[in-house]
C-alpha atoms as a PDB file:
ATOM      1  CA  UNK A   1       0.000   0.000   0.000  1.00  0.00           C
ATOM      2  CA  UNK A   2       2.854   2.392   0.827  1.00  0.00           C
ATOM      3  CA  UNK A   3       4.478   1.760  -2.567  1.00  0.00           C
ATOM      4  CA  UNK A   4       1.193   2.566  -4.336  1.00  0.00           C
ATOM      5  CA  UNK A   5       0.732   5.771  -2.345  1.00  0.00           C
ATOM      6  CA  UNK A   6       4.344   6.762  -3.078  1.00  0.00           C
ATOM      7  CA  UNK A   7       3.700   6.566  -6.825  1.00  0.00           C
ATOM      8  CA  UNK A   8       0.500   8.567  -6.558  1.00  0.00           C
ATOM      9  CA  UNK A   9       1.941  11.368  -4.438  1.00  0.00           C
ATOM     10  CA  UNK A  10       4.967  11.650  -6.742  1.00  0.00           C
ATOM     11  CA  UNK A  11       2.661  12.418  -9.684  1.00  0.00           C
ATOM     12  CA  UNK A  12       0.486  15.011  -7.936  1.00  0.00           C
ATOM     13  CA  UNK A  13       0.466  18.545  -9.247  1.00  0.00           C
ATOM     14  CA  UNK A  14       0.556  20.080  -5.776  1.00  0.00           C
ATOM     15  CA  UNK A  15       3.005  22.623  -4.409  1.00  0.00           C
ATOM     16  CA  UNK A  16       5.694  21.335  -2.042  1.00  0.00           C
ATOM     17  CA  UNK A  17       4.064  22.768   1.060  1.00  0.00           C
ATOM     18  CA  UNK A  18       0.712  21.121   0.243  1.00  0.00           C
ATOM     19  CA  UNK A  19       2.463  17.775  -0.355  1.00  0.00           C
ATOM     20  CA  UNK A  20       4.210  17.988   3.003  1.00  0.00           C
ATOM     21  CA  UNK A  21       0.973  18.886   4.809  1.00  0.00           C
ATOM     22  CA  UNK A  22      -0.874  16.011   3.104  1.00  0.00           C
ATOM     23  CA  UNK A  23       1.937  13.631   3.975  1.00  0.00           C
ATOM     24  CA  UNK A  24       2.079  14.637   7.654  1.00  0.00           C
ATOM     25  CA  UNK A  25      -1.640  14.947   8.309  1.00  0.00           C
ATOM     26  CA  UNK A  26      -3.228  12.173   6.236  1.00  0.00           C
ATOM     27  CA  UNK A  27      -0.875   9.754   4.504  1.00  0.00           C
ATOM     28  CA  UNK A  28       1.681   8.906   7.208  1.00  0.00           C
ATOM     29  CA  UNK A  29      -0.950   8.382   9.960  1.00  0.00           C
ATOM     30  CA  UNK A  30      -3.048   6.138   7.693  1.00  0.00           C
ATOM     31  CA  UNK A  31      -0.008   4.043   6.745  1.00  0.00           C
ATOM     32  CA  UNK A  32       1.481   3.916  10.253  1.00  0.00           C
ATOM     33  CA  UNK A  33      -1.676   3.227  12.282  1.00  0.00           C
ATOM     34  CA  UNK A  34      -1.882  -0.500  11.391  1.00  0.00           C
ATOM     35  CA  UNK A  35       1.795  -0.991  12.322  1.00  0.00           C
ATOM     36  CA  UNK A  36       1.081  -0.464  16.027  1.00  0.00           C
ATOM     37  CA  UNK A  37      -0.825  -3.725  16.387  1.00  0.00           C
ATOM     38  CA  UNK A  38       1.471  -5.879  14.232  1.00  0.00           C
ATOM     39  CA  UNK A  39       4.985  -7.209  14.495  1.00  0.00           C
ATOM     40  CA  UNK A  40       7.439  -7.228  11.624  1.00  0.00           C
ATOM     41  CA  UNK A  41      11.020  -8.318  11.227  1.00  0.00           C
ATOM     42  CA  UNK A  42      13.509  -5.445  11.044  1.00  0.00           C
ATOM     43  CA  UNK A  43      14.071  -6.053   7.310  1.00  0.00           C
ATOM     44  CA  UNK A  44      10.403  -5.365   6.521  1.00  0.00           C
ATOM     45  CA  UNK A  45      10.388  -2.176   8.590  1.00  0.00           C
ATOM     46  CA  UNK A  46      13.511  -0.955   6.753  1.00  0.00           C
ATOM     47  CA  UNK A  47      11.687  -1.372   3.414  1.00  0.00           C
ATOM     48  CA  UNK A  48       8.707   0.582   4.756  1.00  0.00           C
ATOM     49  CA  UNK A  49      10.966   3.318   6.154  1.00  0.00           C
ATOM     50  CA  UNK A  50      12.694   3.596   2.779  1.00  0.00           C
ATOM     51  CA  UNK A  51       9.376   4.218   1.039  1.00  0.00           C
ATOM     52  CA  UNK A  52       8.309   6.793   3.649  1.00  0.00           C
ATOM     53  CA  UNK A  53      11.691   8.546   3.424  1.00  0.00           C
ATOM     54  CA  UNK A  54      11.375   8.704  -0.359  1.00  0.00           C
ATOM     55  CA  UNK A  55       7.909  10.264   0.015  1.00  0.00           C
ATOM     56  CA  UNK A  56       9.326  12.903   2.361  1.00  0.00           C
ATOM     57  CA  UNK A  57      12.168  13.634  -0.064  1.00  0.00           C
ATOM     58  CA  UNK A  58       9.640  14.053  -2.879  1.00  0.00           C
ATOM     59  CA  UNK A  59       7.430  16.311  -0.756  1.00  0.00           C
ATOM     60  CA  UNK A  60      10.416  18.452   0.240  1.00  0.00           C
ATOM     61  CA  UNK A  61      11.751  18.667  -3.309  1.00  0.00           C
ATOM     62  CA  UNK A  62      14.917  16.734  -2.473  1.00  0.00           C
ATOM     63  CA  UNK A  63      16.742  14.147  -4.541  1.00  0.00           C
ATOM     64  CA  UNK A  64      15.503  10.623  -3.771  1.00  0.00           C
ATOM     65  CA  UNK A  65      19.091   9.692  -2.827  1.00  0.00           C
ATOM     66  CA  UNK A  66      19.338  12.446  -0.201  1.00  0.00           C
ATOM     67  CA  UNK A  67      21.271  11.119   2.829  1.00  0.00           C
ATOM     68  CA  UNK A  68      18.864   9.607   5.338  1.00  0.00           C
ATOM     69  CA  UNK A  69      21.109  10.692   8.222  1.00  0.00           C
ATOM     70  CA  UNK A  70      20.444  14.320   7.261  1.00  0.00           C
ATOM     71  CA  UNK A  71      16.759  13.719   6.567  1.00  0.00           C
ATOM     72  CA  UNK A  72      16.130  12.166   9.987  1.00  0.00           C
ATOM     73  CA  UNK A  73      18.878  14.016  11.862  1.00  0.00           C
ATOM     74  CA  UNK A  74      18.326  16.621  14.510  1.00  0.00           C
ATOM     75  CA  UNK A  75      17.893  20.207  13.351  1.00  0.00           C
ATOM     76  CA  UNK A  76      20.338  21.190  16.095  1.00  0.00           C
ATOM     77  CA  UNK A  77      23.017  19.195  14.259  1.00  0.00           C
ATOM     78  CA  UNK A  78      22.110  20.394  10.758  1.00  0.00           C
ATOM     79  CA  UNK A  79      19.507  17.758   9.840  1.00  0.00           C
ATOM     80  CA  UNK A  80      15.920  18.268   8.714  1.00  0.00           C
ATOM     81  CA  UNK A  81      14.333  16.568  11.734  1.00  0.00           C
ATOM     82  CA  UNK A  82      11.847  14.227  10.014  1.00  0.00           C
ATOM     83  CA  UNK A  83      10.922  11.494  12.539  1.00  0.00           C
ATOM     84  CA  UNK A  84      11.701   7.877  11.657  1.00  0.00           C
END
């Protein structure tokens, strides 16, 4: 489901700010809510995190190969501060 949503949000004709708001307020909660009651191996969570990180990069107008350490890093240390 996350892969399908990633493709759809990448093709939207929305401004960056609207993409980020949609991602934070609707898409991420709807994708993350079912994860609370399930258990996955770490490898499956890494795949999911990769898709979510790519969606954030798209919404922020960053290259899809933007370093994840900077994407999820603290703003105090020069990162963007997106939660994992």
